[in-house]
Amino acid sequence: MNRLLAVKIDIPNTIGTTVGTEYPTFGVLLSKFVLIAGIAAGIVMVFMIIVYGFLLMSSAGSGDQKKLARTQNALVTAIIGFLLIFFSYIIIQIIQRVTGVPILNGTN
């Protein structure tokens, strides 16, 4: 008895190639996703610094110490979150260089 376990589906891309030729392995797809997620994290980080910076300035003038502390904590948390994402990417790059195993370079 023969069973069909998988079906290969190539979805045409807008530039004339298929998804299967552009992303031949899951690692290549994951690499592109991590790159886009890093860019999105940077954009969100800049937006959060602008918003929380404005809130920090407005709460500092109001004299409400609780609001000022909450805004400072939110700003510090946003910066720590971005640094966590940035340094995790750097650590992955270091592991890749030391071991020689391509993790996020898209050449799997």
PDB file of N, CA and C in Angstrom:
ATOM      1  N   MET A   1       0.838  -1.160   0.000  1.00  0.00           N
ATOM      2  CA  MET A   1       0.000   0.000   0.000  1.00  0.00           C
ATOM      3  C   MET A   1       0.899   1.244   0.000  1.00  0.00           C
ATOM      4  N   ASN A   2       0.719   2.118  -0.951  1.00  0.00           N
ATOM      5  CA  ASN A   2       1.473   3.364  -1.041  1.00  0.00           C
ATOM      6  C   ASN A   2       0.673   4.488  -0.404  1.00  0.00           C
ATOM      7  N   ARG A   3       1.380   5.281   0.409  1.00  0.00           N
ATOM      8  CA  ARG A   3       0.723   6.416   1.047  1.00  0.00           C
ATOM      9  C   ARG A   3       1.387   7.690   0.575  1.00  0.00           C
ATOM     10  N   LEU A   4       0.584   8.685   0.392  1.00  0.00           N
ATOM     11  CA  LEU A   4       1.084  10.002   0.033  1.00  0.00           C
ATOM     12  C   LEU A   4       1.320  10.779   1.319  1.00  0.00           C
ATOM     13  N   LEU A   5       2.596  11.099   1.611  1.00  0.00           N
ATOM     14  CA  LEU A   5       2.927  11.764   2.861  1.00  0.00           C
ATOM     15  C   LEU A   5       3.065  13.267   2.705  1.00  0.00           C
ATOM     16  N   ALA A   6       3.431  13.725   1.530  1.00  0.00           N
ATOM     17  CA  ALA A   6       3.618  15.159   1.345  1.00  0.00           C
ATOM     18  C   ALA A   6       3.371  15.511  -0.108  1.00  0.00           C
ATOM     19  N   VAL A   7       2.957  16.719  -0.319  1.00  0.00           N
ATOM     20  CA  VAL A   7       2.733  17.225  -1.660  1.00  0.00           C
ATOM     21  C   VAL A   7       3.549  18.498  -1.812  1.00  0.00           C
ATOM     22  N   LYS A   8       4.320  18.582  -2.887  1.00  0.00           N
ATOM     23  CA  LYS A   8       5.111  19.780  -3.124  1.00  0.00           C
ATOM     24  C   LYS A   8       4.251  20.784  -3.869  1.00  0.00           C
ATOM     25  N   ILE A   9       4.121  21.963  -3.284  1.00  0.00           N
ATOM     26  CA  ILE A   9       3.340  23.030  -3.893  1.00  0.00           C
ATOM     27  C   ILE A   9       4.264  24.209  -4.104  1.00  0.00           C
ATOM     28  N   ASP A  10       4.423  24.643  -5.337  1.00  0.00           N
ATOM     29  CA  ASP A  10       5.210  25.829  -5.630  1.00  0.00           C
ATOM     30  C   ASP A  10       4.262  26.959  -6.002  1.00  0.00           C
ATOM     31  N   ILE A  11       4.216  27.949  -5.146  1.00  0.00           N
ATOM     32  CA  ILE A  11       3.359  29.107  -5.360  1.00  0.00           C
ATOM     33  C   ILE A  11       4.141  30.118  -6.188  1.00  0.00           C
ATOM     34  N   PRO A  12       3.608  30.584  -7.305  1.00  0.00           N
ATOM     35  CA  PRO A  12       4.349  31.556  -8.096  1.00  0.00           C
ATOM     36  C   PRO A  12       4.558  32.863  -7.345  1.00  0.00           C
ATOM     37  N   ASN A  13       5.740  33.382  -7.475  1.00  0.00           N
ATOM     38  CA  ASN A  13       6.103  34.641  -6.842  1.00  0.00           C
ATOM     39  C   ASN A  13       5.874  35.770  -7.840  1.00  0.00           C
ATOM     40  N   THR A  14       5.867  36.997  -7.374  1.00  0.00           N
ATOM     41  CA  THR A  14       5.601  38.116  -8.268  1.00  0.00           C
ATOM     42  C   THR A  14       6.775  38.420  -9.193  1.00  0.00           C
ATOM     43  N   ILE A  15       7.973  37.937  -8.862  1.00  0.00           N
ATOM     44  CA  ILE A  15       9.130  38.225  -9.707  1.00  0.00           C
ATOM     45  C   ILE A  15       9.461  37.086 -10.659  1.00  0.00           C
ATOM     46  N   GLY A  16       8.567  36.128 -10.798  1.00  0.00           N
ATOM     47  CA  GLY A  16       8.750  35.065 -11.765  1.00  0.00           C
ATOM     48  C   GLY A  16       9.319  33.782 -11.191  1.00  0.00           C
ATOM     49  N   THR A  17       9.860  33.793  -9.990  1.00  0.00           N
ATOM     50  CA  THR A  17      10.366  32.572  -9.374  1.00  0.00           C
ATOM     51  C   THR A  17       9.281  31.972  -8.500  1.00  0.00           C
ATOM     52  N   THR A  18       9.499  30.778  -8.044  1.00  0.00           N
ATOM     53  CA  THR A  18       8.552  30.150  -7.136  1.00  0.00           C
ATOM     54  C   THR A  18       9.095  30.209  -5.718  1.00  0.00           C
ATOM     55  N   VAL A  19       8.211  30.042  -4.779  1.00  0.00           N
ATOM     56  CA  VAL A  19       8.599  30.108  -3.378  1.00  0.00           C
ATOM     57  C   VAL A  19       9.590  28.990  -3.052  1.00  0.00           C
ATOM     58  N   GLY A  20       9.426  27.839  -3.664  1.00  0.00           N
ATOM     59  CA  GLY A  20      10.319  26.710  -3.413  1.00  0.00           C
ATOM     60  C   GLY A  20      11.741  26.960  -3.875  1.00  0.00           C
ATOM     61  N   THR A  21      11.929  27.754  -4.925  1.00  0.00           N
ATOM     62  CA  THR A  21      13.288  28.055  -5.369  1.00  0.00           C
ATOM     63  C   THR A  21      13.888  29.216  -4.592  1.00  0.00           C
ATOM     64  N   GLU A  22      13.058  30.130  -4.122  1.00  0.00           N
ATOM     65  CA  GLU A  22      13.562  31.262  -3.359  1.00  0.00           C
ATOM     66  C   GLU A  22      13.890  30.869  -1.923  1.00  0.00           C
ATOM     67  N   TYR A  23      13.113  29.990  -1.324  1.00  0.00           N
ATOM     68  CA  TYR A  23      13.335  29.504   0.036  1.00  0.00           C
ATOM     69  C   TYR A  23      13.422  27.981   0.007  1.00  0.00           C
ATOM     70  N   PRO A  24      14.565  27.438  -0.382  1.00  0.00           N
ATOM     71  CA  PRO A  24      14.651  25.978  -0.539  1.00  0.00           C
ATOM     72  C   PRO A  24      14.602  25.212   0.779  1.00  0.00           C
ATOM     73  N   THR A  25      15.017  25.822   1.885  1.00  0.00           N
ATOM     74  CA  THR A  25      14.983  25.150   3.181  1.00  0.00           C
ATOM     75  C   THR A  25      14.282  26.037   4.202  1.00  0.00           C
ATOM     76  N   PHE A  26      13.916  25.408   5.298  1.00  0.00           N
ATOM     77  CA  PHE A  26      13.274  26.148   6.379  1.00  0.00           C
ATOM     78  C   PHE A  26      14.236  27.147   7.000  1.00  0.00           C
ATOM     79  N   GLY A  27      15.518  26.842   7.006  1.00  0.00           N
ATOM     80  CA  GLY A  27      16.516  27.744   7.563  1.00  0.00           C
ATOM     81  C   GLY A  27      16.592  29.059   6.812  1.00  0.00           C
ATOM     82  N   VAL A  28      16.474  29.002   5.491  1.00  0.00           N
ATOM     83  CA  VAL A  28      16.498  30.219   4.681  1.00  0.00           C
ATOM     84  C   VAL A  28      15.272  31.072   4.986  1.00  0.00           C
ATOM     85  N   LEU A  29      14.126  30.429   5.083  1.00  0.00           N
ATOM     86  CA  LEU A  29      12.898  31.146   5.424  1.00  0.00           C
ATOM     87  C   LEU A  29      12.987  31.760   6.818  1.00  0.00           C
ATOM     88  N   LEU A  30      13.515  31.001   7.776  1.00  0.00           N
ATOM     89  CA  LEU A  30      13.677  31.509   9.134  1.00  0.00           C
ATOM     90  C   LEU A  30      14.667  32.664   9.173  1.00  0.00           C
ATOM     91  N   SER A  31      15.710  32.596   8.379  1.00  0.00           N
ATOM     92  CA  SER A  31      16.688  33.671   8.307  1.00  0.00           C
ATOM     93  C   SER A  31      16.044  34.964   7.830  1.00  0.00           C
ATOM     94  N   LYS A  32      15.229  34.880   6.802  1.00  0.00           N
ATOM     95  CA  LYS A  32      14.533  36.073   6.303  1.00  0.00           C
ATOM     96  C   LYS A  32      13.569  36.615   7.354  1.00  0.00           C
ATOM     97  N   PHE A  33      12.881  35.715   8.046  1.00  0.00           N
ATOM     98  CA  PHE A  33      11.938  36.137   9.080  1.00  0.00           C
ATOM     99  C   PHE A  33      12.653  36.857  10.216  1.00  0.00           C
ATOM    100  N   VAL A  34      13.805  36.335  10.653  1.00  0.00           N
ATOM    101  CA  VAL A  34      14.557  36.963  11.736  1.00  0.00           C
ATOM    102  C   VAL A  34      15.062  38.338  11.305  1.00  0.00           C
ATOM    103  N   LEU A  35      15.487  38.460  10.057  1.00  0.00           N
ATOM    104  CA  LEU A  35      15.943  39.750   9.552  1.00  0.00           C
ATOM    105  C   LEU A  35      14.809  40.776   9.563  1.00  0.00           C
ATOM    106  N   ILE A  36      13.645  40.385   9.098  1.00  0.00           N
ATOM    107  CA  ILE A  36      12.493  41.288   9.075  1.00  0.00           C
ATOM    108  C   ILE A  36      12.033  41.612  10.494  1.00  0.00           C
ATOM    109  N   ALA A  37      12.073  40.629  11.393  1.00  0.00           N
ATOM    110  CA  ALA A  37      11.682  40.872  12.785  1.00  0.00           C
ATOM    111  C   ALA A  37      12.641  41.841  13.457  1.00  0.00           C
ATOM    112  N   GLY A  38      13.919  41.763  13.151  1.00  0.00           N
ATOM    113  CA  GLY A  38      14.887  42.705  13.712  1.00  0.00           C
ATOM    114  C   GLY A  38      14.650  44.119  13.233  1.00  0.00           C
ATOM    115  N   ILE A  39      14.328  44.263  11.965  1.00  0.00           N
ATOM    116  CA  ILE A  39      14.027  45.589  11.426  1.00  0.00           C
ATOM    117  C   ILE A  39      12.752  46.143  12.059  1.00  0.00           C
ATOM    118  N   ALA A  40      11.741  45.285  12.189  1.00  0.00           N
ATOM    119  CA  ALA A  40      10.492  45.722  12.814  1.00  0.00           C
ATOM    120  C   ALA A  40      10.713  46.106  14.279  1.00  0.00           C
ATOM    121  N   ALA A  41      11.567  45.359  14.979  1.00  0.00           N
ATOM    122  CA  ALA A  41      11.861  45.695  16.378  1.00  0.00           C
ATOM    123  C   ALA A  41      12.554  47.047  16.472  1.00  0.00           C
ATOM    124  N   GLY A  42      13.424  47.349  15.539  1.00  0.00           N
ATOM    125  CA  GLY A  42      14.086  48.651  15.526  1.00  0.00           C
ATOM    126  C   GLY A  42      13.110  49.788  15.282  1.00  0.00           C
ATOM    127  N   ILE A  43      12.180  49.580  14.378  1.00  0.00           N
ATOM    128  CA  ILE A  43      11.173  50.612  14.096  1.00  0.00           C
ATOM    129  C   ILE A  43      10.275  50.830  15.305  1.00  0.00           C
ATOM    130  N   VAL A  44       9.834  49.739  15.926  1.00  0.00           N
ATOM    131  CA  VAL A  44       8.991  49.851  17.117  1.00  0.00           C
ATOM    132  C   VAL A  44       9.763  50.522  18.246  1.00  0.00           C
ATOM    133  N   MET A  45      11.057  50.201  18.370  1.00  0.00           N
ATOM    134  CA  MET A  45      11.879  50.811  19.410  1.00  0.00           C
ATOM    135  C   MET A  45      11.962  52.326  19.246  1.00  0.00           C
ATOM    136  N   VAL A  46      12.199  52.792  18.033  1.00  0.00           N
ATOM    137  CA  VAL A  46      12.272  54.235  17.787  1.00  0.00           C
ATOM    138  C   VAL A  46      10.928  54.891  18.115  1.00  0.00           C
ATOM    139  N   PHE A  47       9.845  54.272  17.706  1.00  0.00           N
ATOM    140  CA  PHE A  47       8.516  54.803  18.000  1.00  0.00           C
ATOM    141  C   PHE A  47       8.271  54.875  19.500  1.00  0.00           C
ATOM    142  N   MET A  48       8.654  53.823  20.225  1.00  0.00           N
ATOM    143  CA  MET A  48       8.431  53.793  21.666  1.00  0.00           C
ATOM    144  C   MET A  48       9.289  54.828  22.380  1.00  0.00           C
ATOM    145  N   ILE A  49      10.519  55.040  21.925  1.00  0.00           N
ATOM    146  CA  ILE A  49      11.363  56.060  22.547  1.00  0.00           C
ATOM    147  C   ILE A  49      10.754  57.448  22.342  1.00  0.00           C
ATOM    148  N   ILE A  50      10.230  57.710  21.164  1.00  0.00           N
ATOM    149  CA  ILE A  50       9.609  59.014  20.911  1.00  0.00           C
ATOM    150  C   ILE A  50       8.380  59.203  21.786  1.00  0.00           C
ATOM    151  N   VAL A  51       7.504  58.202  21.843  1.00  0.00           N
ATOM    152  CA  VAL A  51       6.269  58.318  22.626  1.00  0.00           C
ATOM    153  C   VAL A  51       6.579  58.426  24.110  1.00  0.00           C
ATOM    154  N   TYR A  52       7.422  57.507  24.627  1.00  0.00           N
ATOM    155  CA  TYR A  52       7.718  57.542  26.053  1.00  0.00           C
ATOM    156  C   TYR A  52       8.571  58.753  26.422  1.00  0.00           C
ATOM    157  N   GLY A  53       9.396  59.239  25.521  1.00  0.00           N
ATOM    158  CA  GLY A  53      10.139  60.467  25.782  1.00  0.00           C
ATOM    159  C   GLY A  53       9.203  61.654  25.932  1.00  0.00           C
ATOM    160  N   PHE A  54       8.208  61.720  25.053  1.00  0.00           N
ATOM    161  CA  PHE A  54       7.212  62.789  25.169  1.00  0.00           C
ATOM    162  C   PHE A  54       6.425  62.662  26.475  1.00  0.00           C
ATOM    163  N   LEU A  55       6.016  61.432  26.807  1.00  0.00           N
ATOM    164  CA  LEU A  55       5.281  61.232  28.063  1.00  0.00           C
ATOM    165  C   LEU A  55       6.154  61.541  29.273  1.00  0.00           C
ATOM    166  N   LEU A  56       7.450  61.241  29.189  1.00  0.00           N
ATOM    167  CA  LEU A  56       8.359  61.534  30.286  1.00  0.00           C
ATOM    168  C   LEU A  56       8.475  63.041  30.509  1.00  0.00           C
ATOM    169  N   MET A  57       8.583  63.783  29.413  1.00  0.00           N
ATOM    170  CA  MET A  57       8.673  65.242  29.545  1.00  0.00           C
ATOM    171  C   MET A  57       7.380  65.829  30.093  1.00  0.00           C
ATOM    172  N   SER A  58       6.247  65.316  29.634  1.00  0.00           N
ATOM    173  CA  SER A  58       4.978  65.870  30.114  1.00  0.00           C
ATOM    174  C   SER A  58       4.700  65.470  31.563  1.00  0.00           C
ATOM    175  N   SER A  59       5.104  64.272  31.966  1.00  0.00           N
ATOM    176  CA  SER A  59       4.861  63.860  33.350  1.00  0.00           C
ATOM    177  C   SER A  59       5.850  64.491  34.316  1.00  0.00           C
ATOM    178  N   ALA A  60       7.030  64.860  33.835  1.00  0.00           N
ATOM    179  CA  ALA A  60       8.007  65.516  34.710  1.00  0.00           C
ATOM    180  C   ALA A  60       7.528  66.915  35.092  1.00  0.00           C
ATOM    181  N   GLY A  61       6.818  67.554  34.207  1.00  0.00           N
ATOM    182  CA  GLY A  61       6.321  68.896  34.503  1.00  0.00           C
ATOM    183  C   GLY A  61       5.063  68.912  35.339  1.00  0.00           C
ATOM    184  N   SER A  62       4.374  67.775  35.402  1.00  0.00           N
ATOM    185  CA  SER A  62       3.106  67.752  36.136  1.00  0.00           C
ATOM    186  C   SER A  62       3.294  67.594  37.640  1.00  0.00           C
ATOM    187  N   GLY A  63       4.416  67.078  38.070  1.00  0.00           N
ATOM    188  CA  GLY A  63       4.670  66.900  39.494  1.00  0.00           C
ATOM    189  C   GLY A  63       4.156  65.585  40.053  1.00  0.00           C
ATOM    190  N   ASP A  64       3.532  64.747  39.225  1.00  0.00           N
ATOM    191  CA  ASP A  64       3.029  63.449  39.674  1.00  0.00           C
ATOM    192  C   ASP A  64       4.179  62.440  39.639  1.00  0.00           C
ATOM    193  N   GLN A  65       4.668  62.064  40.801  1.00  0.00           N
ATOM    194  CA  GLN A  65       5.841  61.190  40.875  1.00  0.00           C
ATOM    195  C   GLN A  65       5.527  59.758  40.438  1.00  0.00           C
ATOM    196  N   LYS A  66       4.315  59.285  40.666  1.00  0.00           N
ATOM    197  CA  LYS A  66       3.944  57.923  40.253  1.00  0.00           C
ATOM    198  C   LYS A  66       3.913  57.814  38.728  1.00  0.00           C
ATOM    199  N   LYS A  67       3.340  58.821  38.087  1.00  0.00           N
ATOM    200  CA  LYS A  67       3.277  58.826  36.624  1.00  0.00           C
ATOM    201  C   LYS A  67       4.681  58.928  36.036  1.00  0.00           C
ATOM    202  N   LEU A  68       5.540  59.723  36.650  1.00  0.00           N
ATOM    203  CA  LEU A  68       6.914  59.856  36.201  1.00  0.00           C
ATOM    204  C   LEU A  68       7.666  58.536  36.336  1.00  0.00           C
ATOM    205  N   ALA A  69       7.483  57.834  37.446  1.00  0.00           N
ATOM    206  CA  ALA A  69       8.149  56.546  37.663  1.00  0.00           C
ATOM    207  C   ALA A  69       7.656  55.492  36.683  1.00  0.00           C
ATOM    208  N   ARG A  70       6.336  55.479  36.421  1.00  0.00           N
ATOM    209  CA  ARG A  70       5.794  54.515  35.445  1.00  0.00           C
ATOM    210  C   ARG A  70       6.353  54.768  34.057  1.00  0.00           C
ATOM    211  N   THR A  71       6.448  56.029  33.674  1.00  0.00           N
ATOM    212  CA  THR A  71       6.963  56.364  32.346  1.00  0.00           C
ATOM    213  C   THR A  71       8.436  56.022  32.238  1.00  0.00           C
ATOM    214  N   GLN A  72       9.215  56.294  33.290  1.00  0.00           N
ATOM    215  CA  GLN A  72      10.628  55.935  33.265  1.00  0.00           C
ATOM    216  C   GLN A  72      10.805  54.428  33.168  1.00  0.00           C
ATOM    217  N   ASN A  73      10.005  53.666  33.911  1.00  0.00           N
ATOM    218  CA  ASN A  73      10.091  52.205  33.848  1.00  0.00           C
ATOM    219  C   ASN A  73       9.718  51.691  32.462  1.00  0.00           C
ATOM    220  N   ALA A  74       8.714  52.280  31.847  1.00  0.00           N
ATOM    221  CA  ALA A  74       8.307  51.847  30.506  1.00  0.00           C
ATOM    222  C   ALA A  74       9.400  52.144  29.489  1.00  0.00           C
ATOM    223  N   LEU A  75      10.046  53.292  29.610  1.00  0.00           N
ATOM    224  CA  LEU A  75      11.120  53.644  28.691  1.00  0.00           C
ATOM    225  C   LEU A  75      12.316  52.713  28.867  1.00  0.00           C
ATOM    226  N   VAL A  76      12.671  52.427  30.103  1.00  0.00           N
ATOM    227  CA  VAL A  76      13.788  51.514  30.365  1.00  0.00           C
ATOM    228  C   VAL A  76      13.454  50.104  29.872  1.00  0.00           C
ATOM    229  N   THR A  77      12.224  49.671  30.061  1.00  0.00           N
ATOM    230  CA  THR A  77      11.806  48.354  29.587  1.00  0.00           C
ATOM    231  C   THR A  77      11.866  48.257  28.067  1.00  0.00           C
ATOM    232  N   ALA A  78      11.472  49.302  27.378  1.00  0.00           N
ATOM    233  CA  ALA A  78      11.541  49.312  25.913  1.00  0.00           C
ATOM    234  C   ALA A  78      12.992  49.212  25.440  1.00  0.00           C
ATOM    235  N   ILE A  79      13.884  49.941  26.088  1.00  0.00           N
ATOM    236  CA  ILE A  79      15.296  49.895  25.694  1.00  0.00           C
ATOM    237  C   ILE A  79      15.897  48.533  26.003  1.00  0.00           C
ATOM    238  N   ILE A  80      15.571  47.961  27.153  1.00  0.00           N
ATOM    239  CA  ILE A  80      16.086  46.633  27.503  1.00  0.00           C
ATOM    240  C   ILE A  80      15.555  45.581  26.539  1.00  0.00           C
ATOM    241  N   GLY A  81      14.298  45.672  26.142  1.00  0.00           N
ATOM    242  CA  GLY A  81      13.734  44.726  25.178  1.00  0.00           C
ATOM    243  C   GLY A  81      14.445  44.781  23.845  1.00  0.00           C
ATOM    244  N   PHE A  82      14.728  45.977  23.368  1.00  0.00           N
ATOM    245  CA  PHE A  82      15.450  46.084  22.104  1.00  0.00           C
ATOM    246  C   PHE A  82      16.865  45.556  22.242  1.00  0.00           C
ATOM    247  N   LEU A  83      17.541  45.870  23.341  1.00  0.00           N
ATOM    248  CA  LEU A  83      18.898  45.367  23.544  1.00  0.00           C
ATOM    249  C   LEU A  83      18.919  43.845  23.631  1.00  0.00           C
ATOM    250  N   LEU A  84      17.893  43.262  24.219  1.00  0.00           N
ATOM    251  CA  LEU A  84      17.791  41.808  24.281  1.00  0.00           C
ATOM    252  C   LEU A  84      17.704  41.202  22.878  1.00  0.00           C
ATOM    253  N   ILE A  85      16.886  41.782  22.030  1.00  0.00           N
ATOM    254  CA  ILE A  85      16.765  41.298  20.652  1.00  0.00           C
ATOM    255  C   ILE A  85      18.073  41.502  19.899  1.00  0.00           C
ATOM    256  N   PHE A  86      18.686  42.669  20.062  1.00  0.00           N
ATOM    257  CA  PHE A  86      19.935  42.968  19.367  1.00  0.00           C
ATOM    258  C   PHE A  86      21.055  42.017  19.792  1.00  0.00           C
ATOM    259  N   PHE A  87      21.226  41.828  21.101  1.00  0.00           N
ATOM    260  CA  PHE A  87      22.315  40.969  21.566  1.00  0.00           C
ATOM    261  C   PHE A  87      22.060  39.498  21.280  1.00  0.00           C
ATOM    262  N   SER A  88      20.805  39.067  21.213  1.00  0.00           N
ATOM    263  CA  SER A  88      20.538  37.677  20.832  1.00  0.00           C
ATOM    264  C   SER A  88      20.951  37.436  19.385  1.00  0.00           C
ATOM    265  N   TYR A  89      20.726  38.416  18.525  1.00  0.00           N
ATOM    266  CA  TYR A  89      21.173  38.295  17.139  1.00  0.00           C
ATOM    267  C   TYR A  89      22.700  38.249  17.070  1.00  0.00           C
ATOM    268  N   ILE A  90      23.367  39.094  17.855  1.00  0.00           N
ATOM    269  CA  ILE A  90      24.833  39.110  17.884  1.00  0.00           C
ATOM    270  C   ILE A  90      25.378  37.776  18.398  1.00  0.00           C
ATOM    271  N   ILE A  91      24.756  37.210  19.420  1.00  0.00           N
ATOM    272  CA  ILE A  91      25.197  35.923  19.963  1.00  0.00           C
ATOM    273  C   ILE A  91      25.038  34.822  18.927  1.00  0.00           C
ATOM    274  N   ILE A  92      23.945  34.838  18.181  1.00  0.00           N
ATOM    275  CA  ILE A  92      23.755  33.842  17.124  1.00  0.00           C
ATOM    276  C   ILE A  92      24.837  33.986  16.061  1.00  0.00           C
ATOM    277  N   GLN A  93      25.196  35.216  15.714  1.00  0.00           N
ATOM    278  CA  GLN A  93      26.261  35.433  14.730  1.00  0.00           C
ATOM    279  C   GLN A  93      27.602  34.925  15.253  1.00  0.00           C
ATOM    280  N   ILE A  94      27.891  35.132  16.534  1.00  0.00           N
ATOM    281  CA  ILE A  94      29.140  34.646  17.117  1.00  0.00           C
ATOM    282  C   ILE A  94      29.180  33.121  17.103  1.00  0.00           C
ATOM    283  N   ILE A  95      28.088  32.485  17.489  1.00  0.00           N
ATOM    284  CA  ILE A  95      28.024  31.020  17.463  1.00  0.00           C
ATOM    285  C   ILE A  95      28.223  30.509  16.045  1.00  0.00           C
ATOM    286  N   GLN A  96      27.634  31.189  15.089  1.00  0.00           N
ATOM    287  CA  GLN A  96      27.772  30.786  13.692  1.00  0.00           C
ATOM    288  C   GLN A  96      29.231  30.877  13.243  1.00  0.00           C
ATOM    289  N   ARG A  97      29.933  31.937  13.611  1.00  0.00           N
ATOM    290  CA  ARG A  97      31.336  32.105  13.210  1.00  0.00           C
ATOM    291  C   ARG A  97      32.249  31.102  13.899  1.00  0.00           C
ATOM    292  N   VAL A  98      31.996  30.818  15.185  1.00  0.00           N
ATOM    293  CA  VAL A  98      32.858  29.912  15.932  1.00  0.00           C
ATOM    294  C   VAL A  98      32.683  28.467  15.468  1.00  0.00           C
ATOM    295  N   THR A  99      31.427  28.052  15.286  1.00  0.00           N
ATOM    296  CA  THR A  99      31.171  26.651  14.923  1.00  0.00           C
ATOM    297  C   THR A  99      31.238  26.413  13.418  1.00  0.00           C
ATOM    298  N   GLY A 100      31.031  27.424  12.625  1.00  0.00           N
ATOM    299  CA  GLY A 100      31.020  27.243  11.183  1.00  0.00           C
ATOM    300  C   GLY A 100      29.714  26.727  10.633  1.00  0.00           C
ATOM    301  N   VAL A 101      28.710  26.587  11.497  1.00  0.00           N
ATOM    302  CA  VAL A 101      27.396  26.124  11.079  1.00  0.00           C
ATOM    303  C   VAL A 101      26.562  27.316  10.656  1.00  0.00           C
ATOM    304  N   PRO A 102      26.082  27.337   9.398  1.00  0.00           N
ATOM    305  CA  PRO A 102      25.268  28.485   8.967  1.00  0.00           C
ATOM    306  C   PRO A 102      23.894  28.448   9.627  1.00  0.00           C
ATOM    307  N   ILE A 103      23.620  29.438  10.463  1.00  0.00           N
ATOM    308  CA  ILE A 103      22.346  29.482  11.185  1.00  0.00           C
ATOM    309  C   ILE A 103      21.409  30.490  10.531  1.00  0.00           C
ATOM    310  N   LEU A 104      21.869  31.724  10.376  1.00  0.00           N
ATOM    311  CA  LEU A 104      20.987  32.786   9.892  1.00  0.00           C
ATOM    312  C   LEU A 104      21.517  33.490   8.659  1.00  0.00           C
ATOM    313  N   ASN A 105      22.359  32.872   7.873  1.00  0.00           N
ATOM    314  CA  ASN A 105      22.890  33.603   6.723  1.00  0.00           C
ATOM    315  C   ASN A 105      22.165  33.274   5.436  1.00  0.00           C
ATOM    316  N   GLY A 106      21.240  32.330   5.448  1.00  0.00           N
ATOM    317  CA  GLY A 106      20.447  32.040   4.256  1.00  0.00           C
ATOM    318  C   GLY A 106      21.124  31.158   3.238  1.00  0.00           C
ATOM    319  N   THR A 107      22.228  30.499   3.586  1.00  0.00           N
ATOM    320  CA  THR A 107      22.916  29.624   2.623  1.00  0.00           C
ATOM    321  C   THR A 107      22.875  28.184   3.107  1.00  0.00           C
ATOM    322  N   ASN A 108      21.716  27.691   3.484  1.00  0.00           N
ATOM    323  CA  ASN A 108      21.597  26.309   3.960  1.00  0.00           C
ATOM    324  C   ASN A 108      21.524  25.369   2.808  1.00  0.00           C
TER     325      ASN A 108
END
